PDB file of N, CA and C in Angstrom:
ATOM      1  N   MET A   1     -12.936   4.778 -14.411  1.00  0.00           N
ATOM      2  CA  MET A   1     -12.200   5.612 -13.471  1.00  0.00           C
ATOM      3  C   MET A   1     -11.696   4.743 -12.326  1.00  0.00           C
ATOM      4  N   SER A   2     -10.445   4.862 -11.997  1.00  0.00           N
ATOM      5  CA  SER A   2      -9.835   4.116 -10.906  1.00  0.00           C
ATOM      6  C   SER A   2     -10.190   4.769  -9.575  1.00  0.00           C
ATOM      7  N   THR A   3     -10.335   3.923  -8.556  1.00  0.00           N
ATOM      8  CA  THR A   3     -10.633   4.450  -7.237  1.00  0.00           C
ATOM      9  C   THR A   3      -9.680   3.843  -6.214  1.00  0.00           C
ATOM     10  N   ILE A   4      -9.528   4.559  -5.104  1.00  0.00           N
ATOM     11  CA  ILE A   4      -8.724   4.096  -3.991  1.00  0.00           C
ATOM     12  C   ILE A   4      -9.617   4.144  -2.756  1.00  0.00           C
ATOM     13  N   GLY A   5      -9.998   2.963  -2.250  1.00  0.00           N
ATOM     14  CA  GLY A   5     -10.801   2.910  -1.033  1.00  0.00           C
ATOM     15  C   GLY A   5      -9.929   3.221   0.174  1.00  0.00           C
ATOM     16  N   ARG A   6     -10.556   3.730   1.232  1.00  0.00           N
ATOM     17  CA  ARG A   6      -9.829   4.086   2.457  1.00  0.00           C
ATOM     18  C   ARG A   6     -10.694   3.741   3.654  1.00  0.00           C
ATOM     19  N   VAL A   7     -10.185   2.834   4.511  1.00  0.00           N
ATOM     20  CA  VAL A   7     -10.922   2.386   5.687  1.00  0.00           C
ATOM     21  C   VAL A   7     -10.000   2.417   6.890  1.00  0.00           C
ATOM     22  N   LYS A   8     -10.468   2.975   7.974  1.00  0.00           N
ATOM     23  CA  LYS A   8      -9.711   2.981   9.231  1.00  0.00           C
ATOM     24  C   LYS A   8     -10.011   1.680   9.953  1.00  0.00           C
ATOM     25  N   SER A   9      -8.970   0.991  10.405  1.00  0.00           N
ATOM     26  CA  SER A   9      -9.117  -0.279  11.117  1.00  0.00           C
ATOM     27  C   SER A   9      -8.194  -0.250  12.334  1.00  0.00           C
ATOM     28  N   GLY A  10      -8.747   0.105  13.467  1.00  0.00           N
ATOM     29  CA  GLY A  10      -7.926   0.266  14.661  1.00  0.00           C
ATOM     30  C   GLY A  10      -6.966   1.424  14.454  1.00  0.00           C
ATOM     31  N   VAL A  11      -5.664   1.177  14.661  1.00  0.00           N
ATOM     32  CA  VAL A  11      -4.659   2.230  14.477  1.00  0.00           C
ATOM     33  C   VAL A  11      -4.155   2.284  13.041  1.00  0.00           C
ATOM     34  N   LYS A  12      -4.619   1.385  12.211  1.00  0.00           N
ATOM     35  CA  LYS A  12      -4.146   1.336  10.823  1.00  0.00           C
ATOM     36  C   LYS A  12      -5.208   1.849   9.862  1.00  0.00           C
ATOM     37  N   THR A  13      -4.725   2.382   8.761  1.00  0.00           N
ATOM     38  CA  THR A  13      -5.592   2.796   7.663  1.00  0.00           C
ATOM     39  C   THR A  13      -5.301   1.883   6.484  1.00  0.00           C
ATOM     40  N   ILE A  14      -6.357   1.279   5.956  1.00  0.00           N
ATOM     41  CA  ILE A  14      -6.217   0.356   4.824  1.00  0.00           C
ATOM     42  C   ILE A  14      -6.640   1.091   3.555  1.00  0.00           C
ATOM     43  N   LEU A  15      -5.708   1.171   2.621  1.00  0.00           N
ATOM     44  CA  LEU A  15      -5.972   1.772   1.322  1.00  0.00           C
ATOM     45  C   LEU A  15      -6.133   0.652   0.304  1.00  0.00           C
ATOM     46  N   SER A  16      -7.203   0.711  -0.475  1.00  0.00           N
ATOM     47  CA  SER A  16      -7.523  -0.370  -1.409  1.00  0.00           C
ATOM     48  C   SER A  16      -7.627   0.154  -2.836  1.00  0.00           C
ATOM     49  N   PRO A  17      -6.503   0.159  -3.561  1.00  0.00           N
ATOM     50  CA  PRO A  17      -6.582   0.553  -4.975  1.00  0.00           C
ATOM     51  C   PRO A  17      -7.358  -0.494  -5.772  1.00  0.00           C
ATOM     52  N   GLU A  18      -8.172  -0.026  -6.692  1.00  0.00           N
ATOM     53  CA  GLU A  18      -8.930  -0.937  -7.554  1.00  0.00           C
ATOM     54  C   GLU A  18      -8.425  -0.787  -8.984  1.00  0.00           C
ATOM     55  N   CYS A  19      -7.086  -0.898  -9.118  1.00  0.00           N
ATOM     56  CA  CYS A  19      -6.468  -0.670 -10.418  1.00  0.00           C
ATOM     57  C   CYS A  19      -5.021  -1.154 -10.376  1.00  0.00           C
ATOM     58  N   ALA A  20      -4.431  -1.286 -11.561  1.00  0.00           N
ATOM     59  CA  ALA A  20      -2.994  -1.569 -11.639  1.00  0.00           C
ATOM     60  C   ALA A  20      -2.252  -0.334 -11.133  1.00  0.00           C
ATOM     61  N   LEU A  21      -1.139  -0.550 -10.451  1.00  0.00           N
ATOM     62  CA  LEU A  21      -0.362   0.582  -9.949  1.00  0.00           C
ATOM     63  C   LEU A  21       0.663   0.992 -11.005  1.00  0.00           C
ATOM     64  N   ILE A  22       0.127   1.698 -11.987  1.00  0.00           N
ATOM     65  CA  ILE A  22       0.909   2.209 -13.113  1.00  0.00           C
ATOM     66  C   ILE A  22       0.414   3.610 -13.438  1.00  0.00           C
ATOM     67  N   GLY A  23       1.252   4.411 -14.075  1.00  0.00           N
ATOM     68  CA  GLY A  23       0.853   5.715 -14.589  1.00  0.00           C
ATOM     69  C   GLY A  23       0.082   6.580 -13.617  1.00  0.00           C
ATOM     70  N   GLU A  24      -1.028   7.133 -14.109  1.00  0.00           N
ATOM     71  CA  GLU A  24      -1.793   8.089 -13.301  1.00  0.00           C
ATOM     72  C   GLU A  24      -2.441   7.450 -12.074  1.00  0.00           C
ATOM     73  N   ASN A  25      -2.600   6.129 -12.070  1.00  0.00           N
ATOM     74  CA  ASN A  25      -3.164   5.465 -10.889  1.00  0.00           C
ATOM     75  C   ASN A  25      -2.264   5.643  -9.670  1.00  0.00           C
ATOM     76  N   ILE A  26      -0.954   5.722  -9.910  1.00  0.00           N
ATOM     77  CA  ILE A  26      -0.016   5.914  -8.806  1.00  0.00           C
ATOM     78  C   ILE A  26      -0.228   7.290  -8.186  1.00  0.00           C
ATOM     79  N   ALA A  27      -0.535   8.277  -9.015  1.00  0.00           N
ATOM     80  CA  ALA A  27      -0.790   9.625  -8.512  1.00  0.00           C
ATOM     81  C   ALA A  27      -2.015   9.631  -7.592  1.00  0.00           C
ATOM     82  N   LEU A  28      -3.028   8.841  -7.937  1.00  0.00           N
ATOM     83  CA  LEU A  28      -4.210   8.744  -7.070  1.00  0.00           C
ATOM     84  C   LEU A  28      -3.847   8.147  -5.715  1.00  0.00           C
ATOM     85  N   LEU A  29      -3.035   7.091  -5.727  1.00  0.00           N
ATOM     86  CA  LEU A  29      -2.607   6.469  -4.479  1.00  0.00           C
ATOM     87  C   LEU A  29      -1.735   7.429  -3.675  1.00  0.00           C
ATOM     88  N   ALA A  30      -0.840   8.146  -4.347  1.00  0.00           N
ATOM     89  CA  ALA A  30       0.026   9.118  -3.665  1.00  0.00           C
ATOM     90  C   ALA A  30      -0.805  10.179  -2.972  1.00  0.00           C
ATOM     91  N   LYS A  31      -1.852  10.651  -3.639  1.00  0.00           N
ATOM     92  CA  LYS A  31      -2.731  11.667  -3.050  1.00  0.00           C
ATOM     93  C   LYS A  31      -3.392  11.128  -1.781  1.00  0.00           C
ATOM     94  N   GLU A  32      -3.906   9.901  -1.839  1.00  0.00           N
ATOM     95  CA  GLU A  32      -4.548   9.305  -0.656  1.00  0.00           C
ATOM     96  C   GLU A  32      -3.555   9.114   0.479  1.00  0.00           C
ATOM     97  N   ILE A  33      -2.362   8.675   0.153  1.00  0.00           N
ATOM     98  CA  ILE A  33      -1.346   8.473   1.196  1.00  0.00           C
ATOM     99  C   ILE A  33      -1.001   9.797   1.852  1.00  0.00           C
ATOM    100  N   ARG A  34      -0.838  10.815   1.074  1.00  0.00           N
ATOM    101  CA  ARG A  34      -0.513  12.133   1.650  1.00  0.00           C
ATOM    102  C   ARG A  34      -1.664  12.661   2.495  1.00  0.00           C
ATOM    103  N   LEU A  35      -2.904  12.443   2.068  1.00  0.00           N
ATOM    104  CA  LEU A  35      -4.052  12.850   2.880  1.00  0.00           C
ATOM    105  C   LEU A  35      -4.054  12.118   4.221  1.00  0.00           C
ATOM    106  N   CYS A  36      -3.735  10.815   4.183  1.00  0.00           N
ATOM    107  CA  CYS A  36      -3.660  10.031   5.421  1.00  0.00           C
ATOM    108  C   CYS A  36      -2.601  10.598   6.347  1.00  0.00           C
ATOM    109  N   LEU A  37      -1.412  10.824   5.817  1.00  0.00           N
ATOM    110  CA  LEU A  37      -0.306  11.316   6.638  1.00  0.00           C
ATOM    111  C   LEU A  37      -0.618  12.690   7.221  1.00  0.00           C
ATOM    112  N   GLU A  38      -1.234  13.563   6.429  1.00  0.00           N
ATOM    113  CA  GLU A  38      -1.615  14.890   6.907  1.00  0.00           C
ATOM    114  C   GLU A  38      -2.662  14.801   8.014  1.00  0.00           C
ATOM    115  N   ALA A  39      -3.499  13.752   7.976  1.00  0.00           N
ATOM    116  CA  ALA A  39      -4.540  13.561   8.992  1.00  0.00           C
ATOM    117  C   ALA A  39      -4.008  12.811  10.218  1.00  0.00           C
ATOM    118  N   GLY A  40      -2.713  12.505  10.219  1.00  0.00           N
ATOM    119  CA  GLY A  40      -2.134  11.782  11.346  1.00  0.00           C
ATOM    120  C   GLY A  40      -2.321  10.281  11.279  1.00  0.00           C
ATOM    121  N   GLU A  41      -2.819   9.800  10.152  1.00  0.00           N
ATOM    122  CA  GLU A  41      -2.968   8.353   9.946  1.00  0.00           C
ATOM    123  C   GLU A  41      -1.665   7.863   9.334  1.00  0.00           C
ATOM    124  N   VAL A  42      -0.744   7.396  10.188  1.00  0.00           N
ATOM    125  CA  VAL A  42       0.615   7.095   9.732  1.00  0.00           C
ATOM    126  C   VAL A  42       0.914   5.604   9.624  1.00  0.00           C
ATOM    127  N   ARG A  43       0.016   4.763  10.115  1.00  0.00           N
ATOM    128  CA  ARG A  43       0.210   3.312  10.001  1.00  0.00           C
ATOM    129  C   ARG A  43      -0.681   2.826   8.863  1.00  0.00           C
ATOM    130  N   LEU A  44      -0.063   2.633   7.693  1.00  0.00           N
ATOM    131  CA  LEU A  44      -0.809   2.377   6.464  1.00  0.00           C
ATOM    132  C   LEU A  44      -0.615   0.955   5.962  1.00  0.00           C
ATOM    133  N   VAL A  45      -1.691   0.406   5.421  1.00  0.00           N
ATOM    134  CA  VAL A  45      -1.670  -0.899   4.773  1.00  0.00           C
ATOM    135  C   VAL A  45      -2.275  -0.707   3.385  1.00  0.00           C
ATOM    136  N   ILE A  46      -1.555  -1.143   2.354  1.00  0.00           N
ATOM    137  CA  ILE A  46      -2.114  -1.102   1.000  1.00  0.00           C
ATOM    138  C   ILE A  46      -2.619  -2.502   0.681  1.00  0.00           C
ATOM    139  N   ASP A  47      -3.937  -2.593   0.488  1.00  0.00           N
ATOM    140  CA  ASP A  47      -4.593  -3.856   0.157  1.00  0.00           C
ATOM    141  C   ASP A  47      -4.484  -4.072  -1.351  1.00  0.00           C
ATOM    142  N   PHE A  48      -3.707  -5.069  -1.748  1.00  0.00           N
ATOM    143  CA  PHE A  48      -3.452  -5.352  -3.154  1.00  0.00           C
ATOM    144  C   PHE A  48      -4.480  -6.306  -3.761  1.00  0.00           C
ATOM    145  N   GLU A  49      -5.568  -6.599  -3.069  1.00  0.00           N
ATOM    146  CA  GLU A  49      -6.547  -7.576  -3.558  1.00  0.00           C
ATOM    147  C   GLU A  49      -7.013  -7.274  -4.979  1.00  0.00           C
ATOM    148  N   SER A  50      -7.234  -6.000  -5.306  1.00  0.00           N
ATOM    149  CA  SER A  50      -7.732  -5.619  -6.633  1.00  0.00           C
ATOM    150  C   SER A  50      -6.661  -4.980  -7.502  1.00  0.00           C
ATOM    151  N   VAL A  51      -5.392  -5.212  -7.165  1.00  0.00           N
ATOM    152  CA  VAL A  51      -4.272  -4.685  -7.959  1.00  0.00           C
ATOM    153  C   VAL A  51      -3.741  -5.813  -8.844  1.00  0.00           C
ATOM    154  N   PRO A  52      -4.017  -5.761 -10.147  1.00  0.00           N
ATOM    155  CA  PRO A  52      -3.576  -6.856 -11.012  1.00  0.00           C
ATOM    156  C   PRO A  52      -2.088  -6.811 -11.353  1.00  0.00           C
ATOM    157  N   PHE A  53      -1.472  -5.591 -11.278  1.00  0.00           N
ATOM    158  CA  PHE A  53      -0.098  -5.449 -11.738  1.00  0.00           C
ATOM    159  C   PHE A  53       0.511  -4.193 -11.129  1.00  0.00           C
ATOM    160  N   ILE A  54       1.829  -4.215 -10.964  1.00  0.00           N
ATOM    161  CA  ILE A  54       2.576  -3.028 -10.549  1.00  0.00           C
ATOM    162  C   ILE A  54       3.811  -2.937 -11.431  1.00  0.00           C
ATOM    163  N   ASP A  55       4.104  -1.726 -11.934  1.00  0.00           N
ATOM    164  CA  ASP A  55       5.271  -1.563 -12.794  1.00  0.00           C
ATOM    165  C   ASP A  55       6.425  -0.929 -12.014  1.00  0.00           C
ATOM    166  N   SER A  56       7.523  -0.639 -12.708  1.00  0.00           N
ATOM    167  CA  SER A  56       8.714  -0.119 -12.037  1.00  0.00           C
ATOM    168  C   SER A  56       8.454   1.237 -11.385  1.00  0.00           C
ATOM    169  N   GLU A  57       7.639   2.076 -12.015  1.00  0.00           N
ATOM    170  CA  GLU A  57       7.291   3.358 -11.406  1.00  0.00           C
ATOM    171  C   GLU A  57       6.501   3.135 -10.119  1.00  0.00           C
ATOM    172  N   GLY A  58       5.595   2.172 -10.141  1.00  0.00           N
ATOM    173  CA  GLY A  58       4.828   1.848  -8.947  1.00  0.00           C
ATOM    174  C   GLY A  58       5.711   1.348  -7.820  1.00  0.00           C
ATOM    175  N   LEU A  59       6.695   0.518  -8.162  1.00  0.00           N
ATOM    176  CA  LEU A  59       7.632   0.016  -7.157  1.00  0.00           C
ATOM    177  C   LEU A  59       8.437   1.154  -6.546  1.00  0.00           C
ATOM    178  N   GLU A  60       8.900   2.058  -7.399  1.00  0.00           N
ATOM    179  CA  GLU A  60       9.663   3.209  -6.915  1.00  0.00           C
ATOM    180  C   GLU A  60       8.817   4.050  -5.969  1.00  0.00           C
ATOM    181  N   LYS A  61       7.560   4.263  -6.339  1.00  0.00           N
ATOM    182  CA  LYS A  61       6.665   5.060  -5.497  1.00  0.00           C
ATOM    183  C   LYS A  61       6.370   4.363  -4.169  1.00  0.00           C
ATOM    184  N   LEU A  62       6.253   3.026  -4.198  1.00  0.00           N
ATOM    185  CA  LEU A  62       6.044   2.310  -2.941  1.00  0.00           C
ATOM    186  C   LEU A  62       7.161   2.608  -1.952  1.00  0.00           C
ATOM    187  N   LEU A  63       8.400   2.629  -2.447  1.00  0.00           N
ATOM    188  CA  LEU A  63       9.530   2.946  -1.572  1.00  0.00           C
ATOM    189  C   LEU A  63       9.449   4.389  -1.079  1.00  0.00           C
ATOM    190  N   GLU A  64       9.032   5.310  -1.939  1.00  0.00           N
ATOM    191  CA  GLU A  64       8.848   6.697  -1.514  1.00  0.00           C
ATOM    192  C   GLU A  64       7.764   6.786  -0.443  1.00  0.00           C
ATOM    193  N   PHE A  65       6.648   6.079  -0.648  1.00  0.00           N
ATOM    194  CA  PHE A  65       5.560   6.094   0.334  1.00  0.00           C
ATOM    195  C   PHE A  65       6.030   5.507   1.663  1.00  0.00           C
ATOM    196  N   TYR A  66       6.808   4.431   1.582  1.00  0.00           N
ATOM    197  CA  TYR A  66       7.367   3.802   2.780  1.00  0.00           C
ATOM    198  C   TYR A  66       8.212   4.819   3.552  1.00  0.00           C
ATOM    199  N   ASN A  67       9.082   5.534   2.832  1.00  0.00           N
ATOM    200  CA  ASN A  67       9.940   6.528   3.485  1.00  0.00           C
ATOM    201  C   ASN A  67       9.140   7.681   4.070  1.00  0.00           C
ATOM    202  N   GLU A  68       8.104   8.135   3.368  1.00  0.00           N
ATOM    203  CA  GLU A  68       7.242   9.203   3.885  1.00  0.00           C
ATOM    204  C   GLU A  68       6.549   8.761   5.169  1.00  0.00           C
ATOM    205  N   ALA A  69       6.027   7.543   5.164  1.00  0.00           N
ATOM    206  CA  ALA A  69       5.353   7.029   6.363  1.00  0.00           C
ATOM    207  C   ALA A  69       6.333   6.928   7.521  1.00  0.00           C
ATOM    208  N   ARG A  70       7.530   6.434   7.270  1.00  0.00           N
ATOM    209  CA  ARG A  70       8.548   6.293   8.325  1.00  0.00           C
ATOM    210  C   ARG A  70       8.941   7.660   8.888  1.00  0.00           C
ATOM    211  N   ARG A  71       9.121   8.657   8.008  1.00  0.00           N
ATOM    212  CA  ARG A  71       9.466  10.011   8.470  1.00  0.00           C
ATOM    213  C   ARG A  71       8.366  10.593   9.351  1.00  0.00           C
ATOM    214  N   SER A  72       7.139  10.159   9.125  1.00  0.00           N
ATOM    215  CA  SER A  72       6.000  10.621   9.925  1.00  0.00           C
ATOM    216  C   SER A  72       5.824   9.799  11.196  1.00  0.00           C
ATOM    217  N   GLY A  73       6.727   8.836  11.419  1.00  0.00           N
ATOM    218  CA  GLY A  73       6.637   7.994  12.615  1.00  0.00           C
ATOM    219  C   GLY A  73       5.746   6.783  12.426  1.00  0.00           C
ATOM    220  N   GLY A  74       5.437   6.452  11.199  1.00  0.00           N
ATOM    221  CA  GLY A  74       4.513   5.355  10.938  1.00  0.00           C
ATOM    222  C   GLY A  74       5.144   4.213  10.165  1.00  0.00           C
ATOM    223  N   SER A  75       4.286   3.508   9.432  1.00  0.00           N
ATOM    224  CA  SER A  75       4.719   2.333   8.679  1.00  0.00           C
ATOM    225  C   SER A  75       3.864   2.182   7.435  1.00  0.00           C
ATOM    226  N   LEU A  76       4.362   1.379   6.514  1.00  0.00           N
ATOM    227  CA  LEU A  76       3.618   1.035   5.303  1.00  0.00           C
ATOM    228  C   LEU A  76       3.798  -0.453   5.079  1.00  0.00           C
ATOM    229  N   GLU A  77       2.676  -1.157   4.912  1.00  0.00           N
ATOM    230  CA  GLU A  77       2.686  -2.600   4.711  1.00  0.00           C
ATOM    231  C   GLU A  77       1.817  -2.940   3.507  1.00  0.00           C
ATOM    232  N   ILE A  78       2.073  -4.123   2.950  1.00  0.00           N
ATOM    233  CA  ILE A  78       1.301  -4.620   1.806  1.00  0.00           C
ATOM    234  C   ILE A  78       0.463  -5.797   2.286  1.00  0.00           C
ATOM    235  N   PHE A  79      -0.784  -5.836   1.828  1.00  0.00           N
ATOM    236  CA  PHE A  79      -1.679  -6.932   2.177  1.00  0.00           C
ATOM    237  C   PHE A  79      -2.195  -7.599   0.912  1.00  0.00           C
ATOM    238  N   ASN A  80      -2.143  -8.919   0.894  1.00  0.00           N
ATOM    239  CA  ASN A  80      -2.827  -9.755  -0.078  1.00  0.00           C
ATOM    240  C   ASN A  80      -2.481  -9.512  -1.548  1.00  0.00           C
ATOM    241  N   PRO A  81      -1.189  -9.455  -1.901  1.00  0.00           N
ATOM    242  CA  PRO A  81      -0.876  -9.328  -3.325  1.00  0.00           C
ATOM    243  C   PRO A  81      -1.182 -10.628  -4.069  1.00  0.00           C
ATOM    244  N   ASN A  82      -1.623 -10.511  -5.311  1.00  0.00           N
ATOM    245  CA  ASN A  82      -1.849 -11.704  -6.126  1.00  0.00           C
ATOM    246  C   ASN A  82      -0.490 -12.343  -6.433  1.00  0.00           C
ATOM    247  N   PRO A  83      -0.465 -13.552  -6.970  1.00  0.00           N
ATOM    248  CA  PRO A  83       0.819 -14.217  -7.219  1.00  0.00           C
ATOM    249  C   PRO A  83       1.786 -13.407  -8.093  1.00  0.00           C
ATOM    250  N   LEU A  84       1.286 -12.737  -9.133  1.00  0.00           N
ATOM    251  CA  LEU A  84       2.169 -11.944 -10.001  1.00  0.00           C
ATOM    252  C   LEU A  84       2.772 -10.770  -9.228  1.00  0.00           C
ATOM    253  N   CYS A  85       1.936 -10.003  -8.536  1.00  0.00           N
ATOM    254  CA  CYS A  85       2.448  -8.862  -7.763  1.00  0.00           C
ATOM    255  C   CYS A  85       3.390  -9.334  -6.659  1.00  0.00           C
ATOM    256  N   ASN A  86       3.051 -10.439  -6.008  1.00  0.00           N
ATOM    257  CA  ASN A  86       3.913 -10.975  -4.956  1.00  0.00           C
ATOM    258  C   ASN A  86       5.287 -11.325  -5.524  1.00  0.00           C
ATOM    259  N   GLU A  87       5.297 -11.952  -6.699  1.00  0.00           N
ATOM    260  CA  GLU A  87       6.568 -12.309  -7.331  1.00  0.00           C
ATOM    261  C   GLU A  87       7.371 -11.056  -7.680  1.00  0.00           C
ATOM    262  N   ILE A  88       6.708 -10.043  -8.220  1.00  0.00           N
ATOM    263  CA  ILE A  88       7.376  -8.785  -8.563  1.00  0.00           C
ATOM    264  C   ILE A  88       7.969  -8.148  -7.304  1.00  0.00           C
ATOM    265  N   LEU A  89       7.190  -8.113  -6.222  1.00  0.00           N
ATOM    266  CA  LEU A  89       7.667  -7.520  -4.968  1.00  0.00           C
ATOM    267  C   LEU A  89       8.869  -8.280  -4.414  1.00  0.00           C
ATOM    268  N   ASN A  90       8.838  -9.603  -4.518  1.00  0.00           N
ATOM    269  CA  ASN A  90       9.949 -10.414  -4.013  1.00  0.00           C
ATOM    270  C   ASN A  90      11.192 -10.306  -4.893  1.00  0.00           C
ATOM    271  N   ILE A  91      11.027 -10.402  -6.204  1.00  0.00           N
ATOM    272  CA  ILE A  91      12.169 -10.355  -7.125  1.00  0.00           C
ATOM    273  C   ILE A  91      12.905  -9.016  -7.031  1.00  0.00           C
ATOM    274  N   THR A  92      12.149  -7.949  -6.849  1.00  0.00           N
ATOM    275  CA  THR A  92      12.753  -6.618  -6.800  1.00  0.00           C
ATOM    276  C   THR A  92      13.245  -6.249  -5.399  1.00  0.00           C
ATOM    277  N   CYS A  93      13.085  -7.155  -4.454  1.00  0.00           N
ATOM    278  CA  CYS A  93      13.550  -6.977  -3.067  1.00  0.00           C
ATOM    279  C   CYS A  93      12.835  -5.856  -2.320  1.00  0.00           C
ATOM    280  N   ILE A  94      11.652  -5.477  -2.778  1.00  0.00           N
ATOM    281  CA  ILE A  94      10.840  -4.516  -2.027  1.00  0.00           C
ATOM    282  C   ILE A  94      10.545  -5.087  -0.639  1.00  0.00           C
ATOM    283  N   THR A  95      10.510  -6.401  -0.568  1.00  0.00           N
ATOM    284  CA  THR A  95      10.219  -7.074   0.710  1.00  0.00           C
ATOM    285  C   THR A  95      11.331  -6.859   1.734  1.00  0.00           C
ATOM    286  N   ASP A  96      12.485  -6.321   1.314  1.00  0.00           N
ATOM    287  CA  ASP A  96      13.517  -5.943   2.285  1.00  0.00           C
ATOM    288  C   ASP A  96      13.066  -4.735   3.102  1.00  0.00           C
ATOM    289  N   TYR A  97      12.097  -3.982   2.582  1.00  0.00           N
ATOM    290  CA  TYR A  97      11.618  -2.768   3.238  1.00  0.00           C
ATOM    291  C   TYR A  97      10.183  -2.902   3.738  1.00  0.00           C
ATOM    292  N   LEU A  98       9.329  -3.442   2.892  1.00  0.00           N
ATOM    293  CA  LEU A  98       7.902  -3.523   3.210  1.00  0.00           C
ATOM    294  C   LEU A  98       7.527  -4.924   3.657  1.00  0.00           C
ATOM    295  N   ASP A  99       6.748  -4.994   4.721  1.00  0.00           N
ATOM    296  CA  ASP A  99       6.217  -6.286   5.141  1.00  0.00           C
ATOM    297  C   ASP A  99       5.010  -6.615   4.281  1.00  0.00           C
ATOM    298  N   ILE A 100       4.894  -7.894   3.913  1.00  0.00           N
ATOM    299  CA  ILE A 100       3.762  -8.371   3.118  1.00  0.00           C
ATOM    300  C   ILE A 100       2.999  -9.383   3.944  1.00  0.00           C
ATOM    301  N   TYR A 101       1.673  -9.195   4.013  1.00  0.00           N
ATOM    302  CA  TYR A 101       0.809 -10.090   4.779  1.00  0.00           C
ATOM    303  C   TYR A 101      -0.276 -10.666   3.875  1.00  0.00           C
ATOM    304  N   PHE A 102      -0.712 -11.858   4.230  1.00  0.00           N
ATOM    305  CA  PHE A 102      -1.802 -12.488   3.483  1.00  0.00           C
ATOM    306  C   PHE A 102      -3.027 -12.683   4.359  1.00  0.00           C
ATOM    307  N   SER A 103      -2.963 -12.161   5.581  1.00  0.00           N
ATOM    308  CA  SER A 103      -4.084 -12.206   6.517  1.00  0.00           C
ATOM    309  C   SER A 103      -4.144 -10.858   7.217  1.00  0.00           C
ATOM    310  N   LEU A 104      -5.339 -10.278   7.329  1.00  0.00           N
ATOM    311  CA  LEU A 104      -5.455  -8.995   8.019  1.00  0.00           C
ATOM    312  C   LEU A 104      -5.134  -9.124   9.507  1.00  0.00           C
ATOM    313  N   ASP A 105      -5.319 -10.297  10.070  1.00  0.00           N
ATOM    314  CA  ASP A 105      -4.909 -10.499  11.461  1.00  0.00           C
ATOM    315  C   ASP A 105      -3.402 -10.272  11.589  1.00  0.00           C
ATOM    316  N   GLN A 106      -2.634 -10.798  10.643  1.00  0.00           N
ATOM    317  CA  GLN A 106      -1.183 -10.600  10.661  1.00  0.00           C
ATOM    318  C   GLN A 106      -0.840  -9.118  10.484  1.00  0.00           C
ATOM    319  N   ALA A 107      -1.595  -8.436   9.631  1.00  0.00           N
ATOM    320  CA  ALA A 107      -1.344  -7.035   9.364  1.00  0.00           C
ATOM    321  C   ALA A 107      -1.861  -6.132  10.493  1.00  0.00           C
ATOM    322  N   GLY A 108      -2.587  -6.714  11.432  1.00  0.00           N
ATOM    323  CA  GLY A 108      -3.063  -5.942  12.576  1.00  0.00           C
ATOM    324  C   GLY A 108      -4.317  -5.151  12.309  1.00  0.00           C
ATOM    325  N   GLY A 109      -5.127  -5.606  11.376  1.00  0.00           N
ATOM    326  CA  GLY A 109      -6.361  -4.893  11.068  1.00  0.00           C
ATOM    327  C   GLY A 109      -7.500  -5.866  10.818  1.00  0.00           C
ATOM    328  N   THR A 110      -8.669  -5.318  10.618  1.00  0.00           N
ATOM    329  CA  THR A 110      -9.832  -6.121  10.269  1.00  0.00           C
ATOM    330  C   THR A 110     -10.519  -5.453   9.096  1.00  0.00           C
ATOM    331  N   LYS A 111     -10.956  -6.213   8.146  1.00  0.00           N
ATOM    332  CA  LYS A 111     -11.642  -5.649   6.989  1.00  0.00           C
ATOM    333  C   LYS A 111     -13.105  -5.443   7.336  1.00  0.00           C
ATOM    334  N   GLU A 112     -13.593  -4.247   7.079  1.00  0.00           N
ATOM    335  CA  GLU A 112     -14.981  -3.912   7.410  1.00  0.00           C
ATOM    336  C   GLU A 112     -15.835  -3.929   6.161  1.00  0.00           C
TER     337      GLU A 112
END
């Protein structure tokens, strides 16, 4: 069973999927993001440390999540993608919208 960790770090909420962002796993992440936004947690960071892969549906959803966060007055950032995910994010130009960080200090949070 895939899980999505959720930790509050200052003004940001760090979501940590422990699965590839494909198929039904994306629905789990979408549910967590919506719960965050409903709770007023609008500055979101998705920790990609345990995400081995993201497919085209996952990329599309990332843009939807980014837009939802922005409409709520917040932001969505990516933290620590592996080399494959980083390449996918760069090639598809998701980085034109989402900031990618490799240090939580850069992302404005601390891992607990």
